[in-house]
């Protein structure tokens, strides 16, 4: 211990203080001098996620619940639209246009969603960085499973839209 004191410069925490001043985690490898040198050092830095984008096309819907009653004829109909997002990115949800006055539950769209995301292939997780609150200085990184959610809604003009159904893709298939 005396040899450390003789090095000069500043030292970290006061050894008399009972308050923790931080934490150091490390390991030390010791190798005998009469043996050959060990191999090169291994890079243990965290993996960096790669940028991807998921492209989804909504062409048609079929057998959608008819939620509305026509005021004059009493016919059942729905004004169908589809909402989609990746888990953890609900604030970036996207909507198709509205297929108005569907009498059969069929809707035609030809709509394209593009969902950009960062992905760790080895962990099969999406990486999302966001502030925990509006008062946070730094962003927190979350690693979550890749899940696509698509919902079918009935658009209403004067009241809240009606939820009609949902489909979740639990794991996104790997492509070449």
Protein backbone atom coordinates (compact mmCIF):
# COMPACT_ATOMS: atom_id res chain seq x y z
CA UNK A 1 0.00 0.00 0.00
CA UNK A 2 2.89 2.34 0.74
CA UNK A 3 4.12 2.07 -2.87
CA UNK A 4 0.78 3.40 -4.13
CA UNK A 5 1.02 6.41 -1.86
CA UNK A 6 4.44 7.26 -3.26
CA UNK A 7 3.13 7.61 -6.84
CA UNK A 8 1.87 11.15 -6.24
CA UNK A 9 -0.97 12.82 -8.10
CA UNK A 10 -4.56 12.75 -6.92
CA UNK A 11 -6.23 9.82 -5.29
CA UNK A 12 -9.91 8.97 -5.51
CA UNK A 13 -12.05 8.73 -2.42
CA UNK A 14 -10.95 9.49 1.10
CA UNK A 15 -10.38 6.11 2.75
CA UNK A 16 -11.80 7.42 6.02
CA UNK A 17 -15.17 8.27 4.44
CA UNK A 18 -17.92 5.66 4.98
CA UNK A 19 -19.80 6.94 1.90
CA UNK A 20 -19.26 4.94 -1.31
CA UNK A 21 -17.55 7.04 -3.98
CA UNK A 22 -18.21 4.76 -6.92
CA UNK A 23 -17.45 1.21 -7.96
CA UNK A 24 -14.78 -0.43 -10.07
CA UNK A 25 -15.31 -3.80 -11.71
CA UNK A 26 -12.31 -5.39 -13.39
CA UNK A 27 -10.33 -8.56 -13.77
CA UNK A 28 -6.60 -9.11 -13.94
CA UNK A 29 -4.99 -11.94 -15.88
CA UNK A 30 -1.53 -12.98 -14.71
CA UNK A 31 0.66 -15.07 -16.99
CA UNK A 32 3.98 -16.71 -16.11
CA UNK A 33 7.00 -15.13 -17.78
CA UNK A 34 8.44 -18.51 -18.83
CA UNK A 35 5.37 -19.26 -21.01
CA UNK A 36 4.72 -17.89 -24.51
CA UNK A 37 2.78 -14.63 -24.74
CA UNK A 38 -1.01 -15.05 -24.69
CA UNK A 39 -3.11 -14.38 -27.78
CA UNK A 40 -4.38 -10.93 -28.71
CA UNK A 41 -6.85 -9.14 -26.45
CA UNK A 42 -10.52 -9.83 -27.06
CA UNK A 43 -12.87 -6.94 -27.78
CA UNK A 44 -15.61 -7.04 -25.14
CA UNK A 45 -17.30 -3.76 -26.03
CA UNK A 46 -21.10 -3.95 -26.31
CA UNK A 47 -22.52 -4.89 -29.69
CA UNK A 48 -23.81 -2.05 -31.82
CA UNK A 49 -27.29 -2.49 -33.29
CA UNK A 50 -27.75 -2.37 -37.06
CA UNK A 51 -30.32 -0.14 -38.70
CA UNK A 52 -33.18 -1.94 -40.45
CA UNK A 53 -36.58 -1.06 -41.74
CA UNK A 54 -39.63 -3.27 -41.76
CA UNK A 55 -41.90 -2.78 -44.76
CA UNK A 56 -45.51 -3.85 -44.50
CA UNK A 57 -48.13 -3.68 -47.25
CA UNK A 58 -51.83 -3.69 -46.39
CA UNK A 59 -53.71 -4.62 -49.55
CA UNK A 60 -57.12 -5.75 -48.37
CA UNK A 61 -59.23 -6.59 -45.37
CA UNK A 62 -62.06 -9.11 -45.39
CA UNK A 63 -64.83 -10.14 -43.00
CA UNK A 64 -64.41 -7.02 -40.88
CA UNK A 65 -67.17 -6.45 -38.31
CA UNK A 66 -69.80 -4.01 -39.56
CA UNK A 67 -70.17 -1.59 -36.67
CA UNK A 68 -72.32 1.30 -37.95
CA UNK A 69 -76.00 1.47 -38.89
CA UNK A 70 -76.96 3.72 -41.80
CA UNK A 71 -79.28 6.47 -40.56
CA UNK A 72 -81.70 6.26 -43.52
CA UNK A 73 -81.59 2.62 -44.69
CA UNK A 74 -80.56 0.80 -41.50
CA UNK A 75 -77.83 -1.11 -43.40
CA UNK A 76 -74.77 -2.23 -41.47
CA UNK A 77 -71.46 -0.75 -42.65
CA UNK A 78 -67.99 0.21 -41.47
CA UNK A 79 -65.47 2.88 -42.40
CA UNK A 80 -62.36 0.69 -42.17
CA UNK A 81 -58.76 1.70 -41.55
CA UNK A 82 -55.73 -0.22 -40.27
CA UNK A 83 -53.28 1.07 -37.63
CA UNK A 84 -49.81 -0.46 -37.18
CA UNK A 85 -46.69 -0.08 -35.04
CA UNK A 86 -43.69 -1.93 -33.63
CA UNK A 87 -43.69 -2.69 -29.91
CA UNK A 88 -41.99 0.08 -27.98
CA UNK A 89 -42.71 2.59 -30.74
CA UNK A 90 -46.43 3.17 -30.17
CA UNK A 91 -45.92 6.91 -30.49
CA UNK A 92 -44.83 6.25 -34.12
CA UNK A 93 -48.01 4.40 -35.08
CA UNK A 94 -49.14 4.69 -38.69
CA UNK A 95 -52.64 4.58 -40.19
CA UNK A 96 -53.87 3.62 -43.64
CA UNK A 97 -56.38 5.77 -45.41
CA UNK A 98 -60.06 5.00 -44.72
CA UNK A 99 -62.16 2.65 -46.85
CA UNK A 100 -65.52 4.36 -46.44
CA UNK A 101 -68.91 2.66 -46.26
CA UNK A 102 -67.92 -1.00 -46.55
CA UNK A 103 -71.14 -3.07 -46.67
CA UNK A 104 -69.43 -6.49 -46.83
CA UNK A 105 -66.53 -6.07 -44.40
CA UNK A 106 -64.08 -5.83 -47.29
CA UNK A 107 -61.63 -2.94 -47.52
CA UNK A 108 -59.12 -2.17 -50.29
CA UNK A 109 -56.02 -0.15 -49.45
CA UNK A 110 -52.67 -0.87 -51.21
CA UNK A 111 -51.03 0.99 -48.30
CA UNK A 112 -47.36 0.77 -47.34
CA UNK A 113 -45.89 1.17 -43.88
CA UNK A 114 -42.17 1.67 -43.28
CA UNK A 115 -40.96 1.10 -39.71
CA UNK A 116 -37.28 1.99 -39.15
CA UNK A 117 -35.62 0.35 -36.14
CA UNK A 118 -32.27 -0.65 -34.63
CA UNK A 119 -31.80 -4.42 -34.23
CA UNK A 120 -29.34 -6.66 -32.38
CA UNK A 121 -29.25 -9.86 -34.43
CA UNK A 122 -27.48 -11.97 -31.76
CA UNK A 123 -30.05 -11.07 -29.10
CA UNK A 124 -33.01 -10.90 -31.51
CA UNK A 125 -34.10 -7.63 -29.92
CA UNK A 126 -35.07 -4.17 -31.10
CA UNK A 127 -33.07 -1.41 -29.41
CA UNK A 128 -35.01 1.70 -28.46
CA UNK A 129 -33.47 4.77 -26.86
CA UNK A 130 -35.79 7.23 -25.20
CA UNK A 131 -35.95 9.56 -22.24
CA UNK A 132 -37.75 8.14 -19.22
CA UNK A 133 -39.44 11.49 -18.61
CA UNK A 134 -39.36 14.97 -20.05
CA UNK A 135 -37.06 15.97 -17.18
CA UNK A 136 -34.42 13.31 -17.93
CA UNK A 137 -31.07 14.45 -19.29
CA UNK A 138 -29.99 11.18 -20.86
CA UNK A 139 -31.78 8.57 -22.89
CA UNK A 140 -32.29 5.07 -21.54
CA UNK A 141 -31.70 2.13 -23.87
CA UNK A 142 -34.31 -0.66 -23.95
CA UNK A 143 -33.94 -4.04 -25.66
CA UNK A 144 -37.32 -5.55 -26.46
CA UNK A 145 -38.60 -8.41 -28.64
CA UNK A 146 -39.60 -7.50 -32.19
CA UNK A 147 -43.41 -7.42 -32.32
CA UNK A 148 -45.57 -5.90 -35.03
CA UNK A 149 -49.13 -4.96 -34.06
CA UNK A 150 -51.86 -4.30 -36.63
CA UNK A 151 -55.32 -3.14 -35.56
CA UNK A 152 -58.51 -2.68 -37.56
CA UNK A 153 -60.66 0.31 -36.66
CA UNK A 154 -63.99 1.80 -37.72
CA UNK A 155 -63.52 5.53 -38.36
CA UNK A 156 -66.21 7.78 -36.89
CA UNK A 157 -66.71 11.49 -37.61
CA UNK A 158 -68.36 12.73 -34.44
CA UNK A 159 -67.32 10.18 -31.82
CA UNK A 160 -64.25 8.12 -30.96
CA UNK A 161 -63.16 5.52 -33.51
CA UNK A 162 -64.33 1.96 -32.77
CA UNK A 163 -61.75 -0.80 -32.25
CA UNK A 164 -62.66 -3.88 -34.34
CA UNK A 165 -59.74 -6.30 -34.07
CA UNK A 166 -56.01 -6.88 -33.64
CA UNK A 167 -53.26 -9.09 -35.03
CA UNK A 168 -49.79 -9.39 -33.49
CA UNK A 169 -46.75 -10.87 -35.18
CA UNK A 170 -44.70 -12.18 -32.23
CA UNK A 171 -41.44 -12.77 -34.05
CA UNK A 172 -40.37 -11.20 -37.29
CA UNK A 173 -39.01 -13.89 -39.65
CA UNK A 174 -35.38 -13.66 -40.70
CA UNK A 175 -34.66 -12.88 -44.33
CA UNK A 176 -31.54 -13.28 -46.43
